[in-house]
């Protein structure tokens, strides 16, 4: 007798969600091969067999100004998705992060009897804590990536599981820098910097010139230094190349990479990282870093008013203290960034202390996340 197909609606809103979603989908299909996924995702989720209704890039905007600029298009996509899922009812809906987009969709589906699993807790512990009330109405079950989160949801009566972070399962305890340097033809004796300006076009636009000017200042003290700049797409690469031209810096010893962010971090002595998931990757790869970010002034003003803690980068948030330097917005000048990078690079004691902190973080987050998340979701599916 042929198994009845199970349909899961799923939506991811950016590159990190595409990675998380793909691993979760693979774990679910391993347990229930008859599952069919449909919704919004990127190349990684498509590789696991997802039917894509809209491209992930349509949702990958950040900050109040950028969201307002694309508001009508984003709301239109959500309206069409809601209509699609109500006309073609999935057995379950999974929201992979992207709470500003997903929670309204989850609320509409849950009200009509479709269970809603939210994978990646919204950062209510960092800002906008009042969202817990909407989450309770919209979400059937929360899957939290960080160990401090479940108690917040349990206190509010929301079913929750701590599942760890998949990057902790994927990344090695001891990255092999020598081998990566050899692969990338980078001599061991030179200083290598990984400069990660973010995966979104808006992030690269705000940081590219600053990164280039920072590299120029570092070269004044370390003439043999090399810079690796991973870029997530042709569009972000084009933005960075234009910035090099604008800064008359085409001759900088700067290698632009298509992707390969983890390779760049492994090869590097130190990294300059735009705040986001890449800061966690860098910590799990045991690399010292300086965290930075820039956004439109209005977005910055609104975020500053609403946040509850002084940290932006995940290593600092999870450690609940400043373990790595953060230079955000007006503090993110080339002079400040270059000095912070060189200070950290030249302090062996500080680098060794960071490596110890990052090893402890890795142990805490390694939970076999995809299988643990899948195990929490399977009870919501129809029996075989």
Foldseek 3Di string as FASTA:
>chain_A
DDDDAAEEEEADQDDVLQVVQLLLLVLLCVVPVRYAYEEEHADSNVVSPHHYPDYNLLRPDDFPVRCVVSVVVLVVRLVVVLVVCVVVPGLAYEYEPPCVSCLVSLLSNVVVPHAYEYEADDPLVWFDVVCLVSCQNRHQEYEYAADVPPVSNVVVVHHYDDQFDVLLVVDDQAQDQVVLCVVVVHDPPAAEEEEEQDAHLQSLLFCLLQVLLLLVVLCVVRVRYAYEYEYADPNSVVSNVVSCVVVVNPPGNYHYHHHCSLSSLSNHQEYEHEADVVLLSNLSNLHAYEYEGADPPVRVVVSVVTTDDDDRHPLCVSVVHPLHHYQYHPSSHSVNRNVSGVVCSPDPVSSVVSSVSSSVVSVNRPRSRSNVVSVVCVVSGDDD
